[in-house]
């Protein structure tokens, strides 16, 4: 039986992984936020199926806010691949 927790966690997971792959092709995004989103979706889905609806909802909402942070502030730690890290020093 498909619950709202299944739909919410799977859709958030697929959207965040798609966004990570697209960013990975263009730049070097940090991996940790996307890994946290994936783990939180898995735990939230498990809790939702086991009857912990409030805890699962809180975890999935927190993962959604982390996803929004990755969406609106993409360049906090990652950098572009086509730009060098530092300019060469001249003596």
Protein backbone atom coordinates (compact mmCIF):
# COMPACT_ATOMS: atom_id res chain seq x y z
CA UNK A 1 0.00 0.00 0.00
CA UNK A 2 1.35 3.40 -0.99
CA UNK A 3 1.25 6.04 1.72
CA UNK A 4 1.87 9.77 1.63
CA UNK A 5 5.27 9.13 3.22
CA UNK A 6 6.25 6.90 0.29
CA UNK A 7 5.26 9.51 -2.26
CA UNK A 8 6.89 12.39 -0.35
CA UNK A 9 10.18 10.62 0.33
CA UNK A 10 10.57 9.08 -3.12
CA UNK A 11 9.76 12.32 -4.93
CA UNK A 12 12.13 14.35 -2.73
CA UNK A 13 14.85 11.76 -3.23
CA UNK A 14 14.44 11.65 -7.01
CA UNK A 15 14.36 15.43 -7.38
CA UNK A 16 17.42 15.96 -5.20
CA UNK A 17 19.40 13.22 -6.95
CA UNK A 18 18.48 14.64 -10.35
CA UNK A 19 19.60 18.09 -9.23
CA UNK A 20 22.86 16.62 -7.92
CA UNK A 21 23.61 14.85 -11.21
CA UNK A 22 22.89 18.00 -13.22
CA UNK A 23 25.13 20.07 -10.95
CA UNK A 24 27.82 17.40 -11.01
CA UNK A 25 28.02 17.65 -14.78
CA UNK A 26 28.53 21.44 -14.60
CA UNK A 27 30.43 22.01 -11.36
CA UNK A 28 31.61 20.24 -8.21
CA UNK A 29 28.76 20.34 -5.68
CA UNK A 30 29.26 19.22 -2.10
CA UNK A 31 28.13 15.61 -1.67
CA UNK A 32 27.25 15.71 2.02
CA UNK A 33 23.93 17.64 1.85
CA UNK A 34 22.60 15.32 -0.84
CA UNK A 35 23.70 12.29 1.16
CA UNK A 36 21.92 13.66 4.22
CA UNK A 37 18.76 14.20 2.15
CA UNK A 38 18.90 10.61 0.87
CA UNK A 39 19.40 9.13 4.35
CA UNK A 40 16.67 11.32 5.83
CA UNK A 41 14.24 10.23 3.12
CA UNK A 42 15.01 6.58 3.85
CA UNK A 43 14.57 6.98 7.61
CA UNK A 44 11.43 9.11 7.18
CA UNK A 45 9.91 6.52 4.88
CA UNK A 46 10.72 3.74 7.35
CA UNK A 47 9.26 5.66 10.28
CA UNK A 48 6.12 6.46 8.28
CA UNK A 49 5.55 2.80 7.50
CA UNK A 50 6.12 1.76 11.13
CA UNK A 51 3.53 4.15 12.53
CA UNK A 52 5.73 7.09 13.53
CA UNK A 53 3.87 9.62 11.42
CA UNK A 54 4.84 12.78 13.31
CA UNK A 55 8.53 11.90 13.42
CA UNK A 56 8.54 10.92 9.77
CA UNK A 57 6.83 14.14 8.78
CA UNK A 58 9.32 16.21 10.80
CA UNK A 59 12.27 14.43 9.16
CA UNK A 60 10.88 14.86 5.66
CA UNK A 61 10.14 18.54 6.23
CA UNK A 62 13.70 19.03 7.52
CA UNK A 63 15.04 17.28 4.42
CA UNK A 64 12.87 19.59 2.30
CA UNK A 65 14.42 22.64 3.93
CA UNK A 66 17.90 21.24 3.30
CA UNK A 67 16.89 20.69 -0.33
CA UNK A 68 15.75 24.31 -0.55
CA UNK A 69 19.08 25.38 0.89
CA UNK A 70 20.89 23.41 -1.81
CA UNK A 71 18.59 24.89 -4.42
CA UNK A 72 18.84 28.56 -3.45
CA UNK A 73 22.49 28.63 -2.25
CA UNK A 74 24.30 26.29 -4.65
CA UNK A 75 27.75 27.89 -4.49
CA UNK A 76 28.48 27.91 -0.78
CA UNK A 77 31.15 25.22 -0.95
CA UNK A 78 31.24 23.94 -4.50
CA UNK A 79 33.07 25.67 -7.30
CA UNK A 80 32.90 25.65 -11.05
CA UNK A 81 35.00 23.18 -12.99
CA UNK A 82 35.87 25.57 -15.80
CA UNK A 83 37.43 28.20 -13.48
CA UNK A 84 40.81 27.64 -11.86
CA UNK A 85 40.97 27.76 -8.07
CA UNK A 86 43.61 30.44 -7.82
CA UNK A 87 45.38 32.78 -10.19
CA UNK A 88 49.06 32.00 -10.80
CA UNK A 89 51.44 34.09 -8.74
CA UNK A 90 53.83 36.45 -10.49
CA UNK A 91 57.09 37.42 -8.87
